[in-house]
Amino acid sequence: MPPPASGVKAPPLADVLLAAARAVQAVLAGESLTDALARIPDRSKMKSGPAREDAADGVSSPSLRPAAQAISFHVMRQLGLARTVKQALIPRQPADPLLDALLLTAFALLAAEPAAGVDYAPHTVVDQAVRAASSQRSLAPFKGLVNGSLRRFLRERESVLAAAARKPEAAWNHPDWWVRRLRIDYPDQWQDLLRAANQPPAMVLRVNRRRCTREALLAALDQAGIAALPVGAAGVVLAQARPVQQLPGFAEGWWSVQDAAAQLAAPLLDVRDGMRVLDACAAPGGKTAHLLELADLDLLALDVDADRLARVDANLARLGLAARTRAADVADLDSWWDGRPFDAVLADVPCTASGIVRRHPDIRWLRREGDIAKTAALQARIADALWQVVAPGGKLLYATCSIFPAEGLRQAQAFQSRHKDAAPLPAPGQLLVQAQPDRPAEQHDGFFYALFAKV
């Protein structure tokens, strides 16, 4: 784990392991890791107990969240291996879900190669995992199991890992169905895709040209001692990810965080001043903002989730931009459309999000194979509805952050076959995940783009 800031004590590893295990437990129960991590308390705001400020040295304990996030992300990227190791050493599934999650967390730390921010000595992991179990009334009776199984793994590590490597889920740290699906869809690239999905992503910013230039942002980053490179038409990639509040220009709205692949969306619509534009599935608002940065538009941002739509408003306010926002089911035209057609429509439709697993490593464990057909059906329903609101001569951009062809290429082909007045225009098509750690400017998520003009 990176050293804490001066004047701040690092939280005890036992506490961090327990917080990470609770987040892992939530994911195994079907909850997103993002939501689970948001519940981790900010220890620095607690008024008593081990997190209080030490009056003698003026040093306070930080939030558990950053360290727990680093470990839980690591566990998600190594969960297949951790599960297989646990099954080999503890054949009976632990009845307590938190115990199961704590064991998986510890095995993930012990079994995998060290990762940035989660490199701990094996004996420290064992000791602190036992302490974590001892601190909980429900887990204390099993501290011997935790201690014995982790120490046994350290003794038998080589043979246990050799056996685990023969199982696809452990070898690739993706569900078996996901591995099988990629082997079918990408027979020559599936291994590269699985490896790339387990690489932490680069942090990419998109410059808000209304308030800053790329040159000015790069200069400000350089002055702050932050290494960065230009990427794409308006992007900046950081050599190392940092909290947004630590970067120059965040409060001033100079930039937004947005992957290089996602930055391709808005320019494809070639918007111009005065256009009537619809961002049909807008939250959290990155593409909405990009459209407004490119031109003065009459823009409506829709999303079915009112809470997520509030993030669109907040992001636009920080960037000094404005749009009409509305919570509605985009496919239910009667609930929101006034009958006036749009010159350009962005349909960044719901999908399995299989192209952004670098950023959200829990996705692979939350999805089921049947979800692909379900999202494909929803995508077709949305695309067909939105085609009705496109003005003659207008454009619709179909986009997904998926690498499954059923949600991308095959969906676009089916859409064109249903709509004879849809003329395909040049678009990137399927972008596969690129994750070269030594070449951050070439990294990007998996996306699919298809652009149609109404003739």
Protein backbone atom coordinates (compact mmCIF):
# COMPACT_ATOMS: atom_id res chain seq x y z
CA MET A 1 0.00 0.00 0.00
CA PRO A 2 1.35 3.49 -0.79
CA PRO A 3 2.67 5.36 2.24
CA PRO A 4 0.09 7.59 3.90
CA ALA A 5 0.35 11.33 3.69
CA SER A 6 2.50 13.06 6.27
CA GLY A 7 0.70 13.41 9.58
CA VAL A 8 -1.68 10.53 8.87
CA LYS A 9 -1.39 7.06 10.31
CA ALA A 10 -2.02 4.10 8.04
CA PRO A 11 -5.11 2.15 9.17
CA PRO A 12 -4.38 -1.27 10.66
CA LEU A 13 -4.23 -3.91 7.93
CA ALA A 14 -6.68 -6.10 9.87
CA ASP A 15 -9.29 -3.32 9.61
CA VAL A 16 -8.56 -2.86 5.92
CA LEU A 17 -8.88 -6.59 5.24
CA LEU A 18 -12.20 -6.71 7.04
CA ALA A 19 -13.53 -3.69 5.13
CA ALA A 20 -12.38 -5.18 1.83
CA ALA A 21 -13.93 -8.54 2.76
CA ARG A 22 -17.29 -6.85 3.40
CA ALA A 23 -17.09 -5.28 -0.06
CA VAL A 24 -16.23 -8.66 -1.60
CA GLN A 25 -19.12 -10.23 0.29
CA ALA A 26 -21.47 -7.63 -1.19
CA VAL A 27 -20.29 -8.39 -4.73
CA LEU A 28 -20.78 -12.13 -4.18
CA ALA A 29 -24.33 -11.28 -3.09
CA GLY A 30 -24.94 -9.41 -6.37
CA GLU A 31 -24.16 -5.80 -5.41
CA SER A 32 -21.79 -3.55 -7.33
CA LEU A 33 -18.38 -2.95 -5.80
CA THR A 34 -18.88 0.80 -6.21
CA ASP A 35 -21.94 0.77 -3.97
CA ALA A 36 -20.28 -1.52 -1.45
CA LEU A 37 -17.18 0.66 -1.16
CA ALA A 38 -19.32 3.77 -0.70
CA ARG A 39 -20.53 2.34 2.64
CA ILE A 40 -17.04 2.08 4.13
CA PRO A 41 -16.89 4.72 6.88
CA ASP A 42 -14.52 7.64 6.85
CA ARG A 43 -12.49 6.87 9.94
CA SER A 44 -11.05 10.36 10.03
CA LYS A 45 -14.52 11.67 10.92
CA MET A 46 -15.16 9.23 13.72
CA LYS A 47 -15.18 10.85 17.17
CA SER A 48 -13.83 8.03 19.30
CA GLY A 49 -12.03 4.73 19.20
CA PRO A 50 -8.84 3.86 17.35
CA ALA A 51 -9.53 6.37 14.59
CA ARG A 52 -9.55 9.42 16.85
CA GLU A 53 -6.77 12.00 16.60
CA ASP A 54 -3.89 11.30 18.92
CA ALA A 55 -3.61 14.38 21.10
CA ALA A 56 0.02 13.63 21.86
CA ASP A 57 1.32 13.64 18.30
CA GLY A 58 -1.46 15.34 16.35
CA VAL A 59 -1.62 12.41 13.93
CA SER A 60 -5.00 11.16 12.73
CA SER A 61 -6.10 7.96 11.03
CA PRO A 62 -7.28 8.17 7.42
CA SER A 63 -10.32 6.67 5.84
CA LEU A 64 -10.27 2.93 5.34
CA ARG A 65 -11.74 3.38 1.89
CA PRO A 66 -8.64 3.94 -0.31
CA ALA A 67 -6.77 0.92 1.06
CA ALA A 68 -9.88 -1.26 1.10
CA GLN A 69 -10.64 -0.25 -2.48
CA ALA A 70 -7.14 -1.18 -3.63
CA ILE A 71 -7.40 -4.61 -2.01
CA SER A 72 -10.97 -5.30 -3.14
CA PHE A 73 -10.09 -4.39 -6.73
CA HIS A 74 -7.16 -6.78 -6.49
CA VAL A 75 -9.47 -9.51 -5.17
CA MET A 76 -11.90 -9.00 -8.06
CA ARG A 77 -8.99 -9.38 -10.50
CA GLN A 78 -7.86 -12.59 -8.77
CA LEU A 79 -11.19 -14.02 -7.62
CA GLY A 80 -11.14 -17.05 -9.91
CA LEU A 81 -7.76 -18.09 -8.56
CA ALA A 82 -8.72 -17.34 -4.96
CA ARG A 83 -11.91 -19.40 -5.27
CA THR A 84 -10.04 -22.36 -6.72
CA VAL A 85 -7.37 -22.22 -4.01
CA LYS A 86 -9.99 -21.97 -1.27
CA GLN A 87 -11.90 -24.93 -2.67
CA ALA A 88 -8.73 -27.03 -2.72
CA LEU A 89 -7.87 -26.25 0.89
CA ILE A 90 -11.36 -25.86 2.37
CA PRO A 91 -13.69 -28.15 0.38
CA ARG A 92 -16.74 -27.29 2.49
CA GLN A 93 -18.15 -23.84 1.71
CA PRO A 94 -18.02 -21.64 4.85
CA ALA A 95 -21.52 -21.01 6.16
CA ASP A 96 -20.74 -17.42 7.12
CA PRO A 97 -20.54 -15.23 3.96
CA LEU A 98 -18.16 -12.79 5.66
CA LEU A 99 -15.79 -15.61 6.61
CA ASP A 100 -15.87 -16.81 3.02
CA ALA A 101 -15.09 -13.32 1.75
CA LEU A 102 -12.25 -12.84 4.26
CA LEU A 103 -10.67 -16.13 3.17
CA LEU A 104 -11.00 -15.16 -0.51
CA THR A 105 -9.43 -11.78 0.22
CA ALA A 106 -6.47 -13.33 2.01
CA PHE A 107 -5.96 -16.05 -0.61
CA ALA A 108 -6.06 -13.43 -3.39
CA LEU A 109 -3.29 -11.50 -1.66
CA LEU A 110 -1.19 -14.60 -1.04
CA ALA A 111 -1.72 -16.41 -4.33
CA ALA A 112 -1.26 -13.75 -6.98
CA GLU A 113 1.74 -11.75 -8.02
CA PRO A 114 2.10 -8.47 -6.10
CA ALA A 115 0.09 -5.59 -7.52
CA ALA A 116 0.44 -1.86 -7.12
CA GLY A 117 -0.82 -0.81 -3.70
CA VAL A 118 -1.40 -4.32 -2.35
CA ASP A 119 2.07 -5.77 -1.82
CA TYR A 120 2.23 -7.25 1.69
CA ALA A 121 4.56 -9.81 3.22
CA PRO A 122 2.85 -13.23 3.41
CA HIS A 123 3.28 -13.58 7.18
CA THR A 124 1.71 -10.13 7.61
CA VAL A 125 -1.34 -11.12 5.58
CA VAL A 126 -1.80 -14.28 7.65
CA ASP A 127 -1.37 -12.48 10.97
CA GLN A 128 -3.71 -9.63 10.06
CA ALA A 129 -6.36 -11.91 8.57
CA VAL A 130 -6.43 -13.82 11.87
CA ARG A 131 -6.69 -10.52 13.74
CA ALA A 132 -9.56 -9.48 11.49
CA ALA A 133 -11.40 -12.72 12.23
CA SER A 134 -10.71 -12.38 15.96
CA SER A 135 -12.23 -8.89 16.00
CA GLN A 136 -15.67 -10.12 14.92
CA ARG A 137 -17.88 -12.13 17.24
CA SER A 138 -19.26 -14.23 14.37
CA LEU A 139 -15.80 -14.98 12.98
CA ALA A 140 -13.76 -15.44 16.15
CA PRO A 141 -14.61 -19.17 16.47
CA PHE A 142 -13.05 -19.67 13.00
CA LYS A 143 -9.73 -17.88 13.55
CA GLY A 144 -8.02 -21.28 13.74
CA LEU A 145 -9.46 -22.19 10.34
CA VAL A 146 -8.23 -18.90 8.89
CA ASN A 147 -4.77 -19.34 10.39
CA GLY A 148 -4.43 -23.02 9.46
CA SER A 149 -5.68 -22.75 5.88
CA LEU A 150 -3.54 -19.71 5.04
CA ARG A 151 -0.41 -21.24 6.54
CA ARG A 152 -1.08 -24.50 4.73
CA PHE A 153 -1.30 -22.59 1.47
CA LEU A 154 2.08 -20.99 2.11
CA ARG A 155 3.59 -24.45 2.72
CA GLU A 156 1.96 -26.01 -0.36
CA ARG A 157 1.82 -22.92 -2.56
CA GLU A 158 3.61 -24.35 -5.60
CA SER A 159 1.54 -27.52 -5.89
CA VAL A 160 -1.77 -25.78 -5.11
CA LEU A 161 -1.18 -23.11 -7.77
CA ALA A 162 -0.06 -25.69 -10.33
CA ALA A 163 -3.33 -27.59 -9.86
CA ALA A 164 -5.37 -24.38 -9.97
CA ALA A 165 -3.77 -23.27 -13.24
CA ARG A 166 -5.46 -26.18 -15.02
CA LYS A 167 -8.90 -24.64 -14.44
CA PRO A 168 -9.96 -21.81 -16.80
CA GLU A 169 -11.60 -19.68 -14.11
CA ALA A 170 -8.41 -19.72 -12.03
CA ALA A 171 -6.06 -19.35 -14.99
CA TRP A 172 -7.90 -16.34 -16.47
CA ASN A 173 -9.79 -14.94 -13.45
CA HIS A 174 -13.04 -14.72 -15.37
CA PRO A 175 -16.13 -16.94 -15.15
CA ASP A 176 -15.94 -20.06 -17.30
CA TRP A 177 -18.81 -18.87 -19.51
CA TRP A 178 -17.03 -15.56 -20.18
CA VAL A 179 -13.83 -17.36 -21.22
CA ARG A 180 -15.80 -19.75 -23.44
CA ARG A 181 -17.71 -16.89 -25.06
CA LEU A 182 -14.56 -14.94 -25.93
CA ARG A 183 -12.93 -18.06 -27.37
CA ILE A 184 -15.89 -18.38 -29.74
CA ASP A 185 -16.18 -14.68 -30.62
CA TYR A 186 -12.43 -13.98 -30.86
CA PRO A 187 -10.59 -17.23 -31.58
CA ASP A 188 -7.31 -15.43 -32.31
CA GLN A 189 -7.50 -12.75 -29.62
CA TRP A 190 -9.33 -14.19 -26.63
CA GLN A 191 -6.21 -14.69 -24.52
CA ASP A 192 -5.00 -11.15 -25.11
CA LEU A 193 -8.45 -9.81 -24.21
CA LEU A 194 -8.56 -11.71 -20.93
CA ARG A 195 -5.06 -10.57 -20.00
CA ALA A 196 -5.88 -6.97 -20.87
CA ALA A 197 -9.05 -7.06 -18.78
CA ASN A 198 -6.97 -7.77 -15.68
CA GLN A 199 -4.68 -4.76 -16.14
CA PRO A 200 -5.50 -1.66 -14.07
CA PRO A 201 -6.50 1.16 -16.44
CA ALA A 202 -4.70 4.39 -17.11
CA MET A 203 -6.39 7.56 -15.90
CA VAL A 204 -7.42 9.69 -18.88
CA LEU A 205 -8.76 13.24 -18.81
CA ARG A 206 -10.74 15.04 -21.51
CA VAL A 207 -10.00 18.74 -21.72
CA ASN A 208 -13.00 21.08 -21.51
CA ARG A 209 -12.11 23.43 -24.34
CA ARG A 210 -14.61 25.97 -23.03
CA ARG A 211 -12.36 26.59 -20.04
CA CYS A 212 -8.89 25.30 -20.86
CA THR A 213 -6.56 24.10 -23.58
CA ARG A 214 -4.68 20.84 -23.62
CA GLU A 215 -1.40 22.71 -23.66
CA ALA A 216 -2.37 24.71 -20.58
CA LEU A 217 -3.49 21.58 -18.72
CA LEU A 218 -0.28 19.72 -19.58
CA ALA A 219 1.73 22.70 -18.34
CA ALA A 220 -0.23 22.82 -15.08
CA LEU A 221 0.25 19.10 -14.54
CA ASP A 222 3.96 19.41 -15.24
CA GLN A 223 4.26 22.28 -12.77
CA ALA A 224 2.55 20.08 -10.15
CA GLY A 225 5.04 17.28 -10.82
CA ILE A 226 2.45 15.04 -12.49
CA ALA A 227 3.64 13.18 -15.58
CA ALA A 228 1.13 13.17 -18.45
CA LEU A 229 0.93 12.74 -22.21
CA PRO A 230 -1.54 13.89 -24.87
CA VAL A 231 -3.88 11.24 -26.27
CA GLY A 232 -6.49 11.51 -29.02
CA ALA A 233 -7.97 14.84 -30.04
CA ALA A 234 -8.54 16.33 -26.58
CA GLY A 235 -7.27 13.80 -24.06
CA VAL A 236 -4.49 13.66 -21.49
CA VAL A 237 -3.32 10.38 -19.99
CA LEU A 238 -1.62 10.37 -16.59
CA ALA A 239 1.39 8.20 -15.88
CA GLN A 240 -0.19 7.36 -12.51
CA ALA A 241 -3.81 7.63 -11.38
CA ARG A 242 -4.54 10.15 -8.65
CA PRO A 243 -7.62 11.39 -6.75
CA VAL A 244 -9.29 14.05 -8.88
CA GLN A 245 -9.06 16.64 -6.11
CA GLN A 246 -5.25 16.39 -6.27
CA LEU A 247 -5.15 17.42 -9.94
CA PRO A 248 -5.02 21.05 -11.07
CA GLY A 249 -8.19 22.38 -12.61
CA PHE A 250 -10.76 19.98 -11.16
CA ALA A 251 -12.80 22.56 -9.26
CA GLU A 252 -12.41 25.01 -12.13
CA GLY A 253 -13.95 22.54 -14.60
CA TRP A 254 -10.92 22.32 -16.86
CA TRP A 255 -11.43 18.63 -17.57
CA SER A 256 -13.43 15.45 -17.01
CA VAL A 257 -12.27 11.90 -16.45
CA GLN A 258 -13.13 9.90 -19.58
CA ASP A 259 -11.46 6.94 -21.26
CA ALA A 260 -9.91 7.52 -24.68
CA ALA A 261 -12.39 5.17 -26.37
CA ALA A 262 -15.37 6.99 -24.86
CA GLN A 263 -13.95 10.32 -26.07
CA LEU A 264 -14.61 9.22 -29.65
CA ALA A 265 -18.40 9.33 -29.26
CA ALA A 266 -19.31 13.02 -29.35
CA PRO A 267 -17.13 14.02 -32.34
CA LEU A 268 -18.71 11.27 -34.47
CA LEU A 269 -22.02 13.15 -34.45
CA ASP A 270 -20.36 16.27 -35.95
CA VAL A 271 -22.59 18.63 -33.94
CA ARG A 272 -22.83 22.31 -34.82
CA ASP A 273 -24.23 25.38 -33.09
CA GLY A 274 -28.01 25.45 -32.86
CA MET A 275 -28.59 21.71 -33.34
CA ARG A 276 -31.31 19.95 -31.41
CA VAL A 277 -29.54 16.96 -29.79
CA LEU A 278 -30.61 14.03 -27.61
CA ASP A 279 -28.31 12.11 -25.29
CA ALA A 280 -30.62 9.19 -24.72
CA CYS A 281 -28.89 7.25 -21.92
CA ALA A 282 -26.91 10.10 -20.44
CA ALA A 283 -25.75 9.25 -16.91
CA PRO A 284 -23.18 9.96 -15.58
CA GLY A 285 -22.88 12.69 -18.23
CA GLY A 286 -19.39 12.45 -19.71
CA LYS A 287 -20.62 12.30 -23.30
CA THR A 288 -23.32 14.90 -22.60
CA ALA A 289 -20.65 17.33 -21.47
CA HIS A 290 -18.42 16.53 -24.43
CA LEU A 291 -21.22 17.33 -26.89
CA LEU A 292 -21.82 20.68 -25.17
CA GLU A 293 -18.10 21.46 -25.21
CA LEU A 294 -18.07 21.02 -29.00
CA ALA A 295 -20.99 23.31 -29.86
CA ASP A 296 -23.83 25.46 -28.50
CA LEU A 297 -26.69 22.98 -28.55
CA ASP A 298 -30.31 22.59 -27.58
CA LEU A 299 -29.57 19.34 -25.73
CA LEU A 300 -31.86 17.03 -23.82
CA ALA A 301 -30.22 14.44 -21.56
CA LEU A 302 -32.39 11.47 -20.61
CA ASP A 303 -31.79 8.63 -18.20
CA VAL A 304 -34.12 6.14 -16.59
CA ASP A 305 -32.39 6.53 -13.20
CA ALA A 306 -33.18 9.85 -11.52
CA ASP A 307 -30.40 9.45 -8.95
CA ARG A 308 -27.78 8.89 -11.66
CA LEU A 309 -29.24 11.78 -13.65
CA ALA A 310 -28.45 14.06 -10.71
CA ARG A 311 -24.77 13.28 -11.40
CA VAL A 312 -25.24 14.65 -14.91
CA ASP A 313 -26.47 17.96 -13.48
CA ALA A 314 -23.57 18.07 -11.01
CA ASN A 315 -20.97 17.33 -13.68
CA LEU A 316 -22.38 19.93 -16.05
CA ALA A 317 -22.42 22.54 -13.30
CA ARG A 318 -18.75 21.94 -12.48
CA LEU A 319 -17.85 22.28 -16.16
CA GLY A 320 -19.90 25.44 -16.67
CA LEU A 321 -22.32 23.74 -19.09
CA ALA A 322 -26.09 23.46 -19.23
CA ALA A 323 -28.65 21.06 -20.67
CA ARG A 324 -32.20 20.02 -20.03
CA THR A 325 -32.28 16.75 -18.06
CA ARG A 326 -35.18 14.40 -17.57
CA ALA A 327 -35.70 11.01 -15.95
CA ALA A 328 -37.64 8.75 -18.30
CA ASP A 329 -37.69 5.39 -20.03
CA VAL A 330 -36.16 6.40 -23.33
CA ALA A 331 -38.03 3.66 -25.22
CA ASP A 332 -41.38 4.97 -23.96
CA LEU A 333 -41.67 7.95 -26.29
CA ASP A 334 -45.06 9.01 -24.96
CA SER A 335 -43.50 9.66 -21.54
CA TRP A 336 -41.01 12.30 -22.71
CA TRP A 337 -40.99 13.18 -26.42
CA ASP A 338 -42.77 16.36 -27.56
CA GLY A 339 -42.90 15.28 -31.20
CA ARG A 340 -40.09 17.55 -32.43
CA PRO A 341 -37.32 15.53 -34.12
CA PHE A 342 -33.63 15.71 -33.22
CA ASP A 343 -30.76 16.48 -35.56
CA ALA A 344 -28.46 14.11 -33.67
CA VAL A 345 -29.11 11.30 -31.20
CA LEU A 346 -26.53 9.57 -29.05
CA ALA A 347 -27.70 6.12 -27.94
CA ASP A 348 -25.08 4.86 -25.48
CA VAL A 349 -27.34 1.94 -24.64
CA PRO A 350 -27.28 -0.33 -21.58
CA CYS A 351 -25.04 -3.37 -21.99
CA THR A 352 -23.07 -5.98 -20.07
CA ALA A 353 -20.19 -3.46 -19.79
CA SER A 354 -17.78 -6.20 -20.80
CA GLY A 355 -15.46 -3.60 -22.32
CA ILE A 356 -14.82 -1.71 -19.09
CA VAL A 357 -13.84 -4.55 -16.73
CA ARG A 358 -10.43 -2.95 -16.22
CA ARG A 359 -12.18 -0.10 -14.41
CA HIS A 360 -14.93 -2.20 -12.85
CA PRO A 361 -13.40 -5.64 -12.20
CA ASP A 362 -16.50 -6.81 -10.34
CA ILE A 363 -18.56 -6.75 -13.55
CA ARG A 364 -17.34 -10.16 -14.71
CA TRP A 365 -18.56 -11.76 -11.47
CA LEU A 366 -21.90 -9.93 -11.44
CA ARG A 367 -22.92 -10.81 -14.98
CA ARG A 368 -24.50 -14.08 -16.13
CA GLU A 369 -24.33 -15.47 -19.64
CA GLY A 370 -28.07 -14.97 -20.07
CA ASP A 371 -27.62 -11.24 -19.51
CA ILE A 372 -26.23 -10.83 -23.03
CA ALA A 373 -29.50 -11.84 -24.68
CA LYS A 374 -31.47 -9.69 -22.23
CA THR A 375 -29.43 -6.56 -22.89
CA ALA A 376 -29.47 -7.19 -26.64
CA ALA A 377 -33.27 -7.27 -26.58
CA LEU A 378 -33.36 -4.02 -24.58
CA GLN A 379 -30.86 -2.40 -26.95
CA ALA A 380 -32.98 -3.25 -29.97
CA ARG A 381 -36.07 -1.82 -28.29
CA ILE A 382 -34.27 1.43 -27.46
CA ALA A 383 -32.66 1.80 -30.88
CA ASP A 384 -35.95 1.23 -32.71
CA ALA A 385 -37.72 3.79 -30.52
CA LEU A 386 -35.00 6.39 -30.96
CA TRP A 387 -34.95 6.04 -34.73
CA GLN A 388 -38.44 7.52 -34.69
CA VAL A 389 -37.20 10.79 -33.14
CA VAL A 390 -34.33 11.33 -35.62
CA ALA A 391 -35.04 14.09 -38.15
CA PRO A 392 -34.70 13.32 -41.88
CA GLY A 393 -31.03 13.84 -42.66
CA GLY A 394 -30.20 13.49 -38.96
CA LYS A 395 -27.87 10.98 -37.36
CA LEU A 396 -28.06 8.29 -34.69
CA LEU A 397 -24.92 7.02 -33.01
CA TYR A 398 -25.31 3.57 -31.49
CA ALA A 399 -22.69 2.92 -28.81
CA THR A 400 -21.97 0.27 -26.19
CA CYS A 401 -19.09 -0.33 -23.80
CA SER A 402 -19.19 -4.04 -24.65
CA ILE A 403 -16.94 -6.40 -26.59
CA PHE A 404 -19.59 -9.07 -27.11
CA PRO A 405 -20.65 -8.97 -30.79
CA ALA A 406 -24.25 -9.74 -29.83
CA GLU A 407 -24.39 -6.25 -28.30
CA GLY A 408 -22.34 -4.57 -31.02
CA LEU A 409 -21.80 -5.64 -34.61
CA ARG A 410 -24.70 -8.08 -34.79
CA GLN A 411 -26.98 -5.54 -33.13
CA ALA A 412 -26.03 -2.87 -35.68
CA GLN A 413 -26.53 -5.28 -38.58
CA ALA A 414 -29.97 -6.25 -37.31
CA PHE A 415 -30.92 -2.58 -36.84
CA GLN A 416 -29.98 -1.75 -40.41
CA SER A 417 -31.98 -4.70 -41.73
CA ARG A 418 -35.06 -3.46 -39.85
CA HIS A 419 -34.72 0.14 -41.02
CA LYS A 420 -34.22 0.56 -44.76
CA ASP A 421 -33.90 4.33 -44.33
CA ALA A 422 -30.82 3.89 -42.10
CA ALA A 423 -27.66 4.55 -44.10
CA PRO A 424 -24.44 3.48 -42.36
CA LEU A 425 -21.73 6.13 -42.04
CA PRO A 426 -18.03 5.65 -41.21
CA ALA A 427 -17.53 4.72 -37.55
CA PRO A 428 -14.89 2.85 -35.52
CA GLY A 429 -16.96 -0.32 -35.16
CA GLN A 430 -15.63 -2.69 -32.52
CA LEU A 431 -12.78 -1.39 -30.37
CA LEU A 432 -11.18 -4.08 -28.25
CA VAL A 433 -9.55 -3.45 -24.89
CA GLN A 434 -5.97 -2.25 -25.20
CA ALA A 435 -3.88 -2.33 -22.04
CA GLN A 436 -0.15 -1.95 -22.56
CA PRO A 437 1.20 -0.89 -19.14
CA ASP A 438 4.34 0.58 -20.71
CA ARG A 439 2.37 2.53 -23.36
CA PRO A 440 -0.40 4.39 -21.49
CA ALA A 441 -1.19 6.64 -24.46
CA GLU A 442 -2.30 3.57 -26.44
CA GLN A 443 -4.64 2.20 -23.78
CA HIS A 444 -8.42 2.30 -24.07
CA ASP A 445 -11.54 0.41 -23.05
CA GLY A 446 -13.62 -1.84 -25.24
CA PHE A 447 -16.35 0.03 -27.16
CA PHE A 448 -18.56 -0.42 -30.19
CA TYR A 449 -19.76 2.42 -32.43
CA ALA A 450 -22.17 2.38 -35.36
CA LEU A 451 -23.38 5.60 -36.99
CA PHE A 452 -26.50 5.90 -39.14
CA ALA A 453 -28.02 8.73 -41.17
CA LYS A 454 -31.77 8.88 -41.82
CA VAL A 455 -32.29 9.09 -45.57
